[in-house]
Amino acid sequence: MTVSRFGSWFSPAAGNANRWVAESMRKCCDKKQPSIRGEKNSMAHELLLRDVVNDDLPIFFEQQLNKEANYMAAFTAKDPTNQEAFTAHWLRNLANETTINKTIVFDGQVAGSVASYEEEGKPEVTYWLGKEYWGKGIATWALKEFLARYNKTRPIYARVAKDNLGSRRVLEKCGFRIIGESKGFANARGQEIEEFHLELAE
C-alpha cells in the first residue's frame, strides 16, 4: 500500500559519496529511539511506530522494489533499483528537521514507513507498506497514529494517483477529503497521469 508523491519526498540528491552515506547513517540512525506501542487488535496482532534506524533502510529498499507497489505509487524515483541513491535520499530526509519519519512495525517485523515533509511550504504525509502487509488495516492504523501523536499540524495534505483506490481509502478513513486534482509525470508509469489533492483540515 503506497501513497503517491513518495518520489517527490525522495527527490534526487547530488554527490552520493559512499563515505558520506556511511557517516550519515552512523549519525542519523545508530541510536536507540523511543516508540509508541499500539494496542493489539482483535486478531491479536501488535503494531507500533518508532523512529527509523539503520537496519530499516535495506528493508525499505526491498519493499519499494515491488513492481505493483511502484505502479500504484506512480510518482517514484526514476530508478528504484539504485540502492545507493535510495539510501542517500533517506539519509537526507532523516537529517532534514522539517521531516518526521517513522517505521511501522507489525508483530515485530518492519512493515513499512510513514512520514511527513514540506512541499512548497505545506506539510504533506506519505507512507509505504510492504506488499505482504496490504489489506490488514495497518496503513490506516499507522497514519492515524502518526497524525495523532507525531504531526498534529492542520491543515495537512496528501496526494494520490487517481487510480490508487487503496491509498485513497486509507486517507479518507483518516479524515482527508479531496480538494483538487492535477497532472504530473509519473516515473513508474512513464507518462503523465492525474492525481487527487487531499486535505485534513482538523
N, C-alpha and C. Protein backbone atom coordinates (compact mmCIF):
# COMPACT_ATOMS: atom_id res chain seq x y z
N MET A 1 0.85 -1.18 0.00
CA MET A 1 0.00 0.00 0.00
C MET A 1 0.89 1.23 0.00
N THR A 2 0.68 2.07 -0.97
CA THR A 2 1.53 3.24 -1.11
C THR A 2 0.70 4.47 -1.38
N VAL A 3 1.19 5.61 -0.92
CA VAL A 3 0.54 6.87 -1.23
C VAL A 3 1.40 7.59 -2.25
N SER A 4 0.78 8.37 -3.11
CA SER A 4 1.54 8.99 -4.19
C SER A 4 2.47 10.08 -3.69
N ARG A 5 3.32 10.53 -4.60
CA ARG A 5 4.31 11.57 -4.35
C ARG A 5 5.38 11.11 -3.38
N PHE A 6 5.50 9.80 -3.16
CA PHE A 6 6.63 9.28 -2.40
C PHE A 6 7.91 9.68 -3.09
N GLY A 7 7.86 9.72 -4.42
CA GLY A 7 9.04 10.09 -5.19
C GLY A 7 9.45 11.53 -4.99
N SER A 8 8.49 12.43 -4.78
CA SER A 8 8.87 13.83 -4.58
C SER A 8 9.53 14.02 -3.23
N TRP A 9 9.15 13.20 -2.26
CA TRP A 9 9.81 13.24 -0.96
C TRP A 9 11.25 12.78 -1.11
N PHE A 10 11.47 11.76 -1.97
CA PHE A 10 12.81 11.30 -2.27
C PHE A 10 13.33 11.95 -3.53
N SER A 11 13.47 13.27 -3.51
CA SER A 11 13.99 13.96 -4.69
C SER A 11 15.46 13.60 -4.88
N PRO A 12 15.94 13.55 -6.14
CA PRO A 12 17.31 13.12 -6.41
C PRO A 12 18.33 14.00 -5.70
N ALA A 13 19.33 13.35 -5.13
CA ALA A 13 20.40 14.07 -4.44
C ALA A 13 21.68 13.99 -5.26
N ALA A 14 22.49 15.02 -5.16
CA ALA A 14 23.74 15.03 -5.91
C ALA A 14 24.88 14.58 -5.02
N GLY A 15 25.89 13.93 -5.64
CA GLY A 15 27.10 13.58 -4.91
C GLY A 15 26.88 12.54 -3.86
N ASN A 16 26.49 11.33 -4.23
CA ASN A 16 26.21 10.28 -3.26
C ASN A 16 27.47 9.50 -2.91
N ALA A 17 28.39 10.15 -2.26
CA ALA A 17 29.66 9.50 -1.93
C ALA A 17 29.44 8.45 -0.86
N ASN A 18 30.10 7.28 -1.03
CA ASN A 18 29.91 6.19 -0.08
C ASN A 18 30.33 6.59 1.33
N ARG A 19 31.41 7.36 1.44
CA ARG A 19 31.88 7.75 2.78
C ARG A 19 30.84 8.62 3.46
N TRP A 20 30.23 9.55 2.71
CA TRP A 20 29.20 10.42 3.30
C TRP A 20 27.99 9.62 3.72
N VAL A 21 27.60 8.63 2.90
CA VAL A 21 26.45 7.80 3.23
C VAL A 21 26.71 7.04 4.52
N ALA A 22 27.88 6.42 4.62
CA ALA A 22 28.19 5.63 5.81
C ALA A 22 28.22 6.50 7.06
N GLU A 23 28.84 7.68 6.97
CA GLU A 23 28.93 8.58 8.11
C GLU A 23 27.55 9.10 8.50
N SER A 24 26.72 9.42 7.51
CA SER A 24 25.37 9.92 7.79
C SER A 24 24.53 8.85 8.46
N MET A 25 24.68 7.59 8.02
CA MET A 25 23.94 6.51 8.64
C MET A 25 24.33 6.37 10.10
N ARG A 26 25.62 6.52 10.39
CA ARG A 26 26.07 6.41 11.77
C ARG A 26 25.46 7.52 12.62
N LYS A 27 25.45 8.75 12.11
CA LYS A 27 24.96 9.89 12.87
C LYS A 27 23.44 9.86 13.04
N CYS A 28 22.73 9.49 11.96
CA CYS A 28 21.27 9.60 11.98
C CYS A 28 20.57 8.40 12.58
N CYS A 29 21.17 7.24 12.45
CA CYS A 29 20.41 6.02 12.71
C CYS A 29 20.93 5.16 13.85
N ASP A 30 22.20 5.24 14.20
CA ASP A 30 22.78 4.32 15.17
C ASP A 30 22.56 4.78 16.60
N LYS A 31 21.30 4.84 17.01
CA LYS A 31 20.97 5.19 18.37
C LYS A 31 19.58 4.67 18.69
N LYS A 32 19.36 4.38 19.94
CA LYS A 32 18.06 3.87 20.34
C LYS A 32 17.04 5.00 20.31
N GLN A 33 15.83 4.68 19.87
CA GLN A 33 14.79 5.69 19.73
C GLN A 33 13.53 5.23 20.47
N PRO A 34 12.76 6.18 20.99
CA PRO A 34 11.50 5.81 21.64
C PRO A 34 10.48 5.32 20.63
N SER A 35 9.54 4.54 21.09
CA SER A 35 8.49 4.06 20.19
C SER A 35 7.14 4.23 20.85
N ILE A 36 6.12 4.24 20.03
CA ILE A 36 4.74 4.27 20.53
C ILE A 36 4.12 2.93 20.20
N ARG A 37 3.72 2.20 21.20
CA ARG A 37 3.19 0.86 21.01
C ARG A 37 1.67 0.90 20.92
N GLY A 38 1.15 0.27 19.89
CA GLY A 38 -0.29 0.23 19.70
C GLY A 38 -0.92 -0.93 20.44
N GLU A 39 -2.21 -0.82 20.68
CA GLU A 39 -2.93 -1.93 21.30
C GLU A 39 -3.06 -3.08 20.32
N LYS A 40 -3.15 -4.29 20.86
CA LYS A 40 -3.37 -5.43 20.00
C LYS A 40 -4.79 -5.39 19.47
N ASN A 41 -4.94 -5.69 18.18
CA ASN A 41 -6.28 -5.67 17.60
C ASN A 41 -6.99 -6.98 17.84
N SER A 42 -8.18 -7.13 17.25
CA SER A 42 -9.00 -8.31 17.51
C SER A 42 -8.34 -9.60 17.04
N MET A 43 -7.35 -9.50 16.12
CA MET A 43 -6.66 -10.68 15.64
C MET A 43 -5.35 -10.89 16.39
N ALA A 44 -5.16 -10.17 17.48
CA ALA A 44 -4.00 -10.32 18.36
C ALA A 44 -2.69 -9.98 17.67
N HIS A 45 -2.72 -9.02 16.76
CA HIS A 45 -1.50 -8.53 16.13
C HIS A 45 -1.05 -7.26 16.84
N GLU A 46 0.26 -7.09 16.94
CA GLU A 46 0.79 -5.92 17.63
C GLU A 46 1.41 -4.94 16.63
N LEU A 47 1.03 -3.67 16.76
CA LEU A 47 1.51 -2.61 15.88
C LEU A 47 2.20 -1.53 16.69
N LEU A 48 3.27 -0.97 16.15
CA LEU A 48 3.89 0.17 16.81
C LEU A 48 4.59 1.04 15.78
N LEU A 49 4.78 2.30 16.13
CA LEU A 49 5.58 3.23 15.36
C LEU A 49 6.82 3.57 16.17
N ARG A 50 7.96 3.61 15.51
CA ARG A 50 9.20 4.02 16.16
C ARG A 50 10.04 4.79 15.16
N ASP A 51 11.10 5.43 15.66
CA ASP A 51 11.99 6.16 14.77
C ASP A 51 12.74 5.19 13.86
N VAL A 52 13.09 5.69 12.70
CA VAL A 52 13.83 4.89 11.72
C VAL A 52 15.25 4.64 12.24
N VAL A 53 15.72 3.40 12.09
CA VAL A 53 17.09 3.05 12.46
C VAL A 53 17.82 2.46 11.25
N ASN A 54 19.11 2.36 11.37
CA ASN A 54 19.99 1.91 10.31
C ASN A 54 19.47 0.65 9.60
N ASP A 55 19.12 -0.36 10.38
CA ASP A 55 18.75 -1.65 9.79
C ASP A 55 17.42 -1.60 9.02
N ASP A 56 16.65 -0.54 9.17
CA ASP A 56 15.38 -0.43 8.45
C ASP A 56 15.59 -0.14 6.96
N LEU A 57 16.64 0.58 6.63
CA LEU A 57 16.80 1.09 5.28
C LEU A 57 16.89 0.00 4.21
N PRO A 58 17.66 -1.07 4.41
CA PRO A 58 17.66 -2.14 3.41
C PRO A 58 16.29 -2.79 3.23
N ILE A 59 15.51 -2.85 4.31
CA ILE A 59 14.16 -3.42 4.23
C ILE A 59 13.26 -2.50 3.43
N PHE A 60 13.32 -1.20 3.70
CA PHE A 60 12.55 -0.24 2.91
C PHE A 60 12.90 -0.34 1.43
N PHE A 61 14.19 -0.49 1.16
CA PHE A 61 14.64 -0.58 -0.23
C PHE A 61 14.02 -1.79 -0.92
N GLU A 62 14.05 -2.94 -0.27
CA GLU A 62 13.47 -4.15 -0.86
C GLU A 62 11.97 -4.00 -1.05
N GLN A 63 11.30 -3.36 -0.11
CA GLN A 63 9.84 -3.19 -0.21
C GLN A 63 9.46 -2.33 -1.41
N GLN A 64 10.26 -1.29 -1.68
CA GLN A 64 9.90 -0.39 -2.77
C GLN A 64 10.29 -0.93 -4.14
N LEU A 65 10.96 -2.08 -4.18
CA LEU A 65 11.28 -2.71 -5.46
C LEU A 65 10.08 -3.41 -6.09
N ASN A 66 9.05 -3.68 -5.28
CA ASN A 66 7.88 -4.39 -5.79
C ASN A 66 7.25 -3.61 -6.94
N LYS A 67 7.07 -4.28 -8.07
CA LYS A 67 6.58 -3.60 -9.28
C LYS A 67 5.16 -3.09 -9.13
N GLU A 68 4.31 -3.86 -8.47
CA GLU A 68 2.92 -3.43 -8.30
C GLU A 68 2.85 -2.20 -7.39
N ALA A 69 3.65 -2.22 -6.32
CA ALA A 69 3.67 -1.07 -5.41
C ALA A 69 4.18 0.17 -6.12
N ASN A 70 5.23 0.02 -6.93
CA ASN A 70 5.75 1.15 -7.68
C ASN A 70 4.71 1.70 -8.64
N TYR A 71 4.01 0.81 -9.31
CA TYR A 71 2.99 1.26 -10.27
C TYR A 71 1.90 2.05 -9.56
N MET A 72 1.44 1.56 -8.41
CA MET A 72 0.38 2.24 -7.69
C MET A 72 0.84 3.58 -7.13
N ALA A 73 2.06 3.62 -6.61
CA ALA A 73 2.58 4.88 -6.07
C ALA A 73 2.77 5.90 -7.18
N ALA A 74 3.21 5.42 -8.34
CA ALA A 74 3.32 6.21 -9.57
C ALA A 74 4.47 7.22 -9.53
N PHE A 75 4.45 8.14 -8.57
CA PHE A 75 5.44 9.21 -8.52
C PHE A 75 6.64 8.75 -7.68
N THR A 76 7.43 7.87 -8.25
CA THR A 76 8.54 7.25 -7.55
C THR A 76 9.87 7.77 -8.09
N ALA A 77 10.96 7.22 -7.55
CA ALA A 77 12.29 7.56 -8.07
C ALA A 77 12.42 7.08 -9.51
N LYS A 78 13.30 7.75 -10.26
CA LYS A 78 13.50 7.35 -11.65
C LYS A 78 14.02 5.93 -11.76
N ASP A 79 14.92 5.56 -10.85
CA ASP A 79 15.50 4.22 -10.86
C ASP A 79 15.38 3.60 -9.47
N PRO A 80 14.29 2.90 -9.19
CA PRO A 80 14.10 2.32 -7.86
C PRO A 80 15.10 1.23 -7.50
N THR A 81 15.88 0.75 -8.47
CA THR A 81 16.86 -0.30 -8.19
C THR A 81 18.20 0.27 -7.73
N ASN A 82 18.37 1.58 -7.71
CA ASN A 82 19.62 2.21 -7.30
C ASN A 82 19.63 2.36 -5.78
N GLN A 83 20.24 1.39 -5.10
CA GLN A 83 20.20 1.38 -3.63
C GLN A 83 21.03 2.50 -3.02
N GLU A 84 22.14 2.86 -3.65
CA GLU A 84 22.96 3.95 -3.12
C GLU A 84 22.18 5.26 -3.13
N ALA A 85 21.49 5.53 -4.23
CA ALA A 85 20.69 6.75 -4.32
C ALA A 85 19.54 6.71 -3.33
N PHE A 86 18.90 5.55 -3.22
CA PHE A 86 17.79 5.38 -2.27
C PHE A 86 18.24 5.69 -0.85
N THR A 87 19.38 5.12 -0.45
CA THR A 87 19.89 5.34 0.91
C THR A 87 20.26 6.80 1.13
N ALA A 88 20.90 7.41 0.14
CA ALA A 88 21.28 8.81 0.28
C ALA A 88 20.04 9.70 0.43
N HIS A 89 19.00 9.41 -0.30
CA HIS A 89 17.76 10.19 -0.20
C HIS A 89 17.15 10.06 1.19
N TRP A 90 17.13 8.82 1.70
CA TRP A 90 16.59 8.59 3.05
C TRP A 90 17.40 9.38 4.08
N LEU A 91 18.71 9.31 3.98
CA LEU A 91 19.56 9.97 4.96
C LEU A 91 19.40 11.48 4.91
N ARG A 92 19.22 12.01 3.72
CA ARG A 92 19.00 13.45 3.61
C ARG A 92 17.69 13.84 4.28
N ASN A 93 16.68 13.02 4.12
CA ASN A 93 15.40 13.32 4.77
C ASN A 93 15.47 13.14 6.28
N LEU A 94 16.21 12.15 6.74
CA LEU A 94 16.37 11.95 8.18
C LEU A 94 17.08 13.13 8.83
N ALA A 95 17.98 13.77 8.06
CA ALA A 95 18.72 14.91 8.59
C ALA A 95 17.95 16.22 8.45
N ASN A 96 16.84 16.20 7.73
CA ASN A 96 16.04 17.40 7.49
C ASN A 96 15.07 17.62 8.65
N GLU A 97 15.21 18.73 9.33
CA GLU A 97 14.39 18.98 10.52
C GLU A 97 12.92 19.20 10.21
N THR A 98 12.58 19.43 8.94
CA THR A 98 11.17 19.64 8.59
C THR A 98 10.44 18.33 8.30
N THR A 99 11.16 17.21 8.29
CA THR A 99 10.52 15.92 8.05
C THR A 99 10.39 15.14 9.36
N ILE A 100 9.36 14.31 9.42
CA ILE A 100 9.15 13.40 10.54
C ILE A 100 9.02 12.01 9.93
N ASN A 101 9.87 11.08 10.35
CA ASN A 101 9.93 9.75 9.74
C ASN A 101 9.75 8.68 10.79
N LYS A 102 8.83 7.76 10.56
CA LYS A 102 8.58 6.67 11.49
C LYS A 102 8.54 5.33 10.75
N THR A 103 9.04 4.32 11.44
CA THR A 103 8.96 2.95 10.94
C THR A 103 7.70 2.29 11.49
N ILE A 104 7.00 1.58 10.62
CA ILE A 104 5.81 0.83 11.03
C ILE A 104 6.25 -0.59 11.34
N VAL A 105 5.97 -1.05 12.55
CA VAL A 105 6.36 -2.41 12.96
C VAL A 105 5.09 -3.22 13.23
N PHE A 106 5.01 -4.38 12.60
CA PHE A 106 3.85 -5.27 12.73
C PHE A 106 4.33 -6.62 13.24
N ASP A 107 3.89 -7.00 14.43
CA ASP A 107 4.31 -8.26 15.04
C ASP A 107 5.83 -8.41 15.04
N GLY A 108 6.52 -7.33 15.35
CA GLY A 108 7.96 -7.36 15.46
C GLY A 108 8.72 -7.25 14.15
N GLN A 109 8.01 -7.14 13.03
CA GLN A 109 8.64 -7.04 11.72
C GLN A 109 8.44 -5.65 11.12
N VAL A 110 9.43 -5.16 10.40
CA VAL A 110 9.32 -3.87 9.75
C VAL A 110 8.36 -3.99 8.57
N ALA A 111 7.22 -3.32 8.68
CA ALA A 111 6.18 -3.42 7.65
C ALA A 111 6.25 -2.28 6.65
N GLY A 112 6.88 -1.17 7.02
CA GLY A 112 6.93 -0.03 6.13
C GLY A 112 7.27 1.24 6.88
N SER A 113 6.89 2.37 6.32
CA SER A 113 7.21 3.65 6.92
C SER A 113 6.06 4.63 6.70
N VAL A 114 6.02 5.64 7.55
CA VAL A 114 5.07 6.74 7.41
C VAL A 114 5.83 8.02 7.75
N ALA A 115 5.56 9.08 7.01
CA ALA A 115 6.34 10.30 7.19
C ALA A 115 5.55 11.53 6.81
N SER A 116 6.07 12.67 7.23
CA SER A 116 5.55 13.96 6.75
C SER A 116 6.74 14.80 6.33
N TYR A 117 6.51 15.68 5.38
CA TYR A 117 7.54 16.54 4.83
C TYR A 117 6.87 17.81 4.33
N GLU A 118 7.66 18.80 3.95
CA GLU A 118 7.09 20.04 3.44
C GLU A 118 7.23 20.10 1.94
N GLU A 119 6.15 20.43 1.27
CA GLU A 119 6.12 20.59 -0.17
C GLU A 119 5.58 21.99 -0.47
N GLU A 120 6.43 22.85 -0.99
CA GLU A 120 6.06 24.24 -1.26
C GLU A 120 5.52 24.92 0.00
N GLY A 121 6.17 24.63 1.12
CA GLY A 121 5.82 25.27 2.38
C GLY A 121 4.63 24.67 3.11
N LYS A 122 4.04 23.61 2.55
CA LYS A 122 2.88 22.98 3.18
C LYS A 122 3.23 21.57 3.62
N PRO A 123 2.74 21.15 4.80
CA PRO A 123 3.05 19.80 5.27
C PRO A 123 2.25 18.75 4.50
N GLU A 124 2.92 17.67 4.10
CA GLU A 124 2.26 16.56 3.42
C GLU A 124 2.66 15.25 4.08
N VAL A 125 1.79 14.26 3.96
CA VAL A 125 2.09 12.94 4.51
C VAL A 125 2.32 11.96 3.37
N THR A 126 3.09 10.93 3.67
CA THR A 126 3.35 9.86 2.74
C THR A 126 3.57 8.58 3.53
N TYR A 127 3.33 7.45 2.92
CA TYR A 127 3.66 6.19 3.58
C TYR A 127 3.93 5.13 2.52
N TRP A 128 4.60 4.08 2.97
CA TRP A 128 4.88 2.94 2.10
C TRP A 128 4.77 1.68 2.95
N LEU A 129 4.04 0.71 2.46
CA LEU A 129 3.83 -0.54 3.18
C LEU A 129 4.24 -1.69 2.27
N GLY A 130 5.05 -2.62 2.81
CA GLY A 130 5.42 -3.79 2.04
C GLY A 130 4.17 -4.54 1.59
N LYS A 131 4.20 -5.08 0.38
CA LYS A 131 3.00 -5.68 -0.20
C LYS A 131 2.42 -6.79 0.67
N GLU A 132 3.29 -7.53 1.35
CA GLU A 132 2.79 -8.64 2.18
C GLU A 132 1.95 -8.16 3.35
N TYR A 133 1.99 -6.85 3.62
CA TYR A 133 1.21 -6.29 4.73
C TYR A 133 -0.04 -5.54 4.26
N TRP A 134 -0.31 -5.55 2.97
CA TRP A 134 -1.52 -4.90 2.47
C TRP A 134 -2.77 -5.64 2.94
N GLY A 135 -3.85 -4.90 3.04
CA GLY A 135 -5.15 -5.50 3.33
C GLY A 135 -5.37 -5.91 4.77
N LYS A 136 -4.55 -5.45 5.69
CA LYS A 136 -4.66 -5.83 7.10
C LYS A 136 -5.06 -4.65 7.99
N GLY A 137 -5.30 -3.49 7.39
CA GLY A 137 -5.65 -2.31 8.18
C GLY A 137 -4.44 -1.61 8.79
N ILE A 138 -3.23 -2.05 8.42
CA ILE A 138 -2.01 -1.50 9.02
C ILE A 138 -1.79 -0.05 8.60
N ALA A 139 -1.98 0.23 7.32
CA ALA A 139 -1.73 1.59 6.82
C ALA A 139 -2.66 2.60 7.49
N THR A 140 -3.93 2.25 7.63
CA THR A 140 -4.88 3.16 8.28
C THR A 140 -4.49 3.41 9.72
N TRP A 141 -4.16 2.32 10.44
CA TRP A 141 -3.76 2.48 11.84
C TRP A 141 -2.51 3.36 11.95
N ALA A 142 -1.51 3.08 11.11
CA ALA A 142 -0.25 3.80 11.19
C ALA A 142 -0.43 5.28 10.90
N LEU A 143 -1.21 5.61 9.88
CA LEU A 143 -1.41 7.01 9.53
C LEU A 143 -2.20 7.73 10.62
N LYS A 144 -3.22 7.09 11.15
CA LYS A 144 -3.99 7.72 12.25
C LYS A 144 -3.09 7.97 13.45
N GLU A 145 -2.27 6.98 13.79
CA GLU A 145 -1.37 7.11 14.93
C GLU A 145 -0.36 8.22 14.70
N PHE A 146 0.18 8.28 13.51
CA PHE A 146 1.16 9.30 13.16
C PHE A 146 0.55 10.70 13.28
N LEU A 147 -0.64 10.87 12.76
CA LEU A 147 -1.31 12.17 12.78
C LEU A 147 -1.73 12.57 14.19
N ALA A 148 -2.03 11.59 15.03
CA ALA A 148 -2.47 11.88 16.40
C ALA A 148 -1.31 12.18 17.33
N ARG A 149 -0.14 11.58 17.06
CA ARG A 149 0.97 11.68 18.01
C ARG A 149 2.17 12.48 17.50
N TYR A 150 2.45 12.42 16.23
CA TYR A 150 3.72 12.93 15.73
C TYR A 150 3.62 14.20 14.89
N ASN A 151 2.54 14.35 14.17
CA ASN A 151 2.35 15.60 13.41
C ASN A 151 0.90 16.03 13.53
N LYS A 152 0.67 16.96 14.43
CA LYS A 152 -0.67 17.46 14.69
C LYS A 152 -0.97 18.74 13.91
N THR A 153 -0.07 19.09 13.00
CA THR A 153 -0.27 20.29 12.18
C THR A 153 -1.53 20.14 11.33
N ARG A 154 -2.36 21.16 11.34
CA ARG A 154 -3.55 21.19 10.49
C ARG A 154 -3.70 22.59 9.91
N PRO A 155 -4.05 22.67 8.64
CA PRO A 155 -4.32 21.55 7.75
C PRO A 155 -3.03 20.85 7.33
N ILE A 156 -3.18 19.60 6.94
CA ILE A 156 -2.07 18.81 6.41
C ILE A 156 -2.57 18.12 5.15
N TYR A 157 -1.69 17.85 4.23
CA TYR A 157 -2.12 17.47 2.88
C TYR A 157 -1.55 16.12 2.44
N ALA A 158 -2.12 15.60 1.36
CA ALA A 158 -1.62 14.37 0.74
C ALA A 158 -2.01 14.39 -0.72
N ARG A 159 -1.30 13.61 -1.52
CA ARG A 159 -1.63 13.46 -2.93
C ARG A 159 -1.58 11.98 -3.29
N VAL A 160 -2.46 11.58 -4.19
CA VAL A 160 -2.54 10.17 -4.56
C VAL A 160 -2.99 10.05 -6.01
N ALA A 161 -2.40 9.10 -6.72
CA ALA A 161 -2.82 8.84 -8.10
C ALA A 161 -4.30 8.48 -8.11
N LYS A 162 -5.02 8.98 -9.12
CA LYS A 162 -6.47 8.77 -9.16
C LYS A 162 -6.87 7.31 -9.11
N ASP A 163 -6.04 6.44 -9.70
CA ASP A 163 -6.41 5.03 -9.74
C ASP A 163 -5.86 4.23 -8.56
N ASN A 164 -5.22 4.91 -7.60
CA ASN A 164 -4.71 4.23 -6.41
C ASN A 164 -5.82 4.24 -5.35
N LEU A 165 -6.81 3.39 -5.57
CA LEU A 165 -8.01 3.41 -4.73
C LEU A 165 -7.73 3.00 -3.29
N GLY A 166 -6.79 2.06 -3.10
CA GLY A 166 -6.48 1.61 -1.75
C GLY A 166 -5.93 2.73 -0.89
N SER A 167 -4.98 3.48 -1.40
CA SER A 167 -4.40 4.59 -0.63
C SER A 167 -5.40 5.72 -0.45
N ARG A 168 -6.22 5.94 -1.45
CA ARG A 168 -7.25 6.98 -1.30
C ARG A 168 -8.20 6.60 -0.16
N ARG A 169 -8.58 5.33 -0.07
CA ARG A 169 -9.47 4.90 1.03
C ARG A 169 -8.80 5.09 2.39
N VAL A 170 -7.51 4.77 2.46
CA VAL A 170 -6.78 4.95 3.73
C VAL A 170 -6.83 6.41 4.14
N LEU A 171 -6.53 7.30 3.22
CA LEU A 171 -6.54 8.73 3.53
C LEU A 171 -7.92 9.21 3.96
N GLU A 172 -8.94 8.75 3.27
CA GLU A 172 -10.29 9.17 3.62
C GLU A 172 -10.73 8.62 4.97
N LYS A 173 -10.29 7.42 5.32
CA LYS A 173 -10.60 6.86 6.64
C LYS A 173 -9.94 7.68 7.74
N CYS A 174 -8.85 8.34 7.41
CA CYS A 174 -8.13 9.17 8.38
C CYS A 174 -8.63 10.62 8.37
N GLY A 175 -9.67 10.90 7.60
CA GLY A 175 -10.29 12.21 7.63
C GLY A 175 -9.93 13.14 6.48
N PHE A 176 -9.07 12.70 5.57
CA PHE A 176 -8.70 13.54 4.43
C PHE A 176 -9.87 13.63 3.44
N ARG A 177 -9.97 14.79 2.80
CA ARG A 177 -11.01 15.00 1.80
C ARG A 177 -10.38 15.61 0.55
N ILE A 178 -10.90 15.22 -0.61
CA ILE A 178 -10.37 15.71 -1.88
C ILE A 178 -10.67 17.20 -2.03
N ILE A 179 -9.64 17.97 -2.37
CA ILE A 179 -9.82 19.41 -2.55
C ILE A 179 -9.41 19.88 -3.95
N GLY A 180 -8.87 18.97 -4.74
CA GLY A 180 -8.46 19.36 -6.08
C GLY A 180 -7.78 18.22 -6.81
N GLU A 181 -7.30 18.49 -7.99
CA GLU A 181 -6.60 17.48 -8.78
C GLU A 181 -5.64 18.17 -9.73
N SER A 182 -4.68 17.39 -10.22
CA SER A 182 -3.69 17.92 -11.15
C SER A 182 -3.10 16.78 -11.96
N LYS A 183 -2.18 17.12 -12.86
CA LYS A 183 -1.48 16.12 -13.65
C LYS A 183 0.02 16.28 -13.43
N GLY A 184 0.72 15.16 -13.48
CA GLY A 184 2.17 15.20 -13.34
C GLY A 184 2.79 13.97 -13.95
N PHE A 185 4.08 14.04 -14.26
CA PHE A 185 4.75 12.90 -14.86
C PHE A 185 5.09 11.88 -13.79
N ALA A 186 4.65 10.64 -14.00
CA ALA A 186 4.86 9.56 -13.05
C ALA A 186 5.97 8.65 -13.57
N ASN A 187 7.10 8.63 -12.87
CA ASN A 187 8.22 7.82 -13.31
C ASN A 187 7.86 6.34 -13.44
N ALA A 188 7.05 5.84 -12.51
CA ALA A 188 6.72 4.42 -12.52
C ALA A 188 5.78 4.04 -13.67
N ARG A 189 5.12 5.03 -14.24
CA ARG A 189 4.21 4.77 -15.36
C ARG A 189 4.82 5.19 -16.70
N GLY A 190 5.86 6.04 -16.64
CA GLY A 190 6.48 6.53 -17.86
C GLY A 190 5.59 7.48 -18.64
N GLN A 191 4.67 8.14 -17.94
CA GLN A 191 3.77 9.06 -18.61
C GLN A 191 3.13 10.01 -17.60
N GLU A 192 2.47 11.02 -18.11
CA GLU A 192 1.74 11.96 -17.26
C GLU A 192 0.42 11.33 -16.83
N ILE A 193 0.11 11.45 -15.54
CA ILE A 193 -1.15 10.89 -15.03
C ILE A 193 -1.84 11.93 -14.14
N GLU A 194 -3.08 11.64 -13.80
CA GLU A 194 -3.86 12.52 -12.93
C GLU A 194 -3.74 12.08 -11.48
N GLU A 195 -3.77 13.05 -10.59
CA GLU A 195 -3.73 12.75 -9.16
C GLU A 195 -4.69 13.65 -8.40
N PHE A 196 -5.16 13.13 -7.25
CA PHE A 196 -6.01 13.90 -6.35
C PHE A 196 -5.15 14.61 -5.31
N HIS A 197 -5.59 15.81 -4.90
CA HIS A 197 -5.01 16.53 -3.77
C HIS A 197 -6.02 16.42 -2.64
N LEU A 198 -5.53 16.04 -1.45
CA LEU A 198 -6.43 15.87 -0.31
C LEU A 198 -5.94 16.72 0.87
N GLU A 199 -6.88 17.03 1.75
CA GLU A 199 -6.58 17.87 2.92
C GLU A 199 -7.24 17.29 4.15
N LEU A 200 -6.50 17.31 5.26
CA LEU A 200 -7.06 17.03 6.58
C LEU A 200 -7.12 18.35 7.30
N ALA A 201 -8.32 18.86 7.46
CA ALA A 201 -8.47 20.23 7.95
C ALA A 201 -8.41 20.33 9.47
N GLU A 202 -8.86 19.30 10.17
CA GLU A 202 -8.91 19.37 11.64
C GLU A 202 -8.32 18.11 12.25
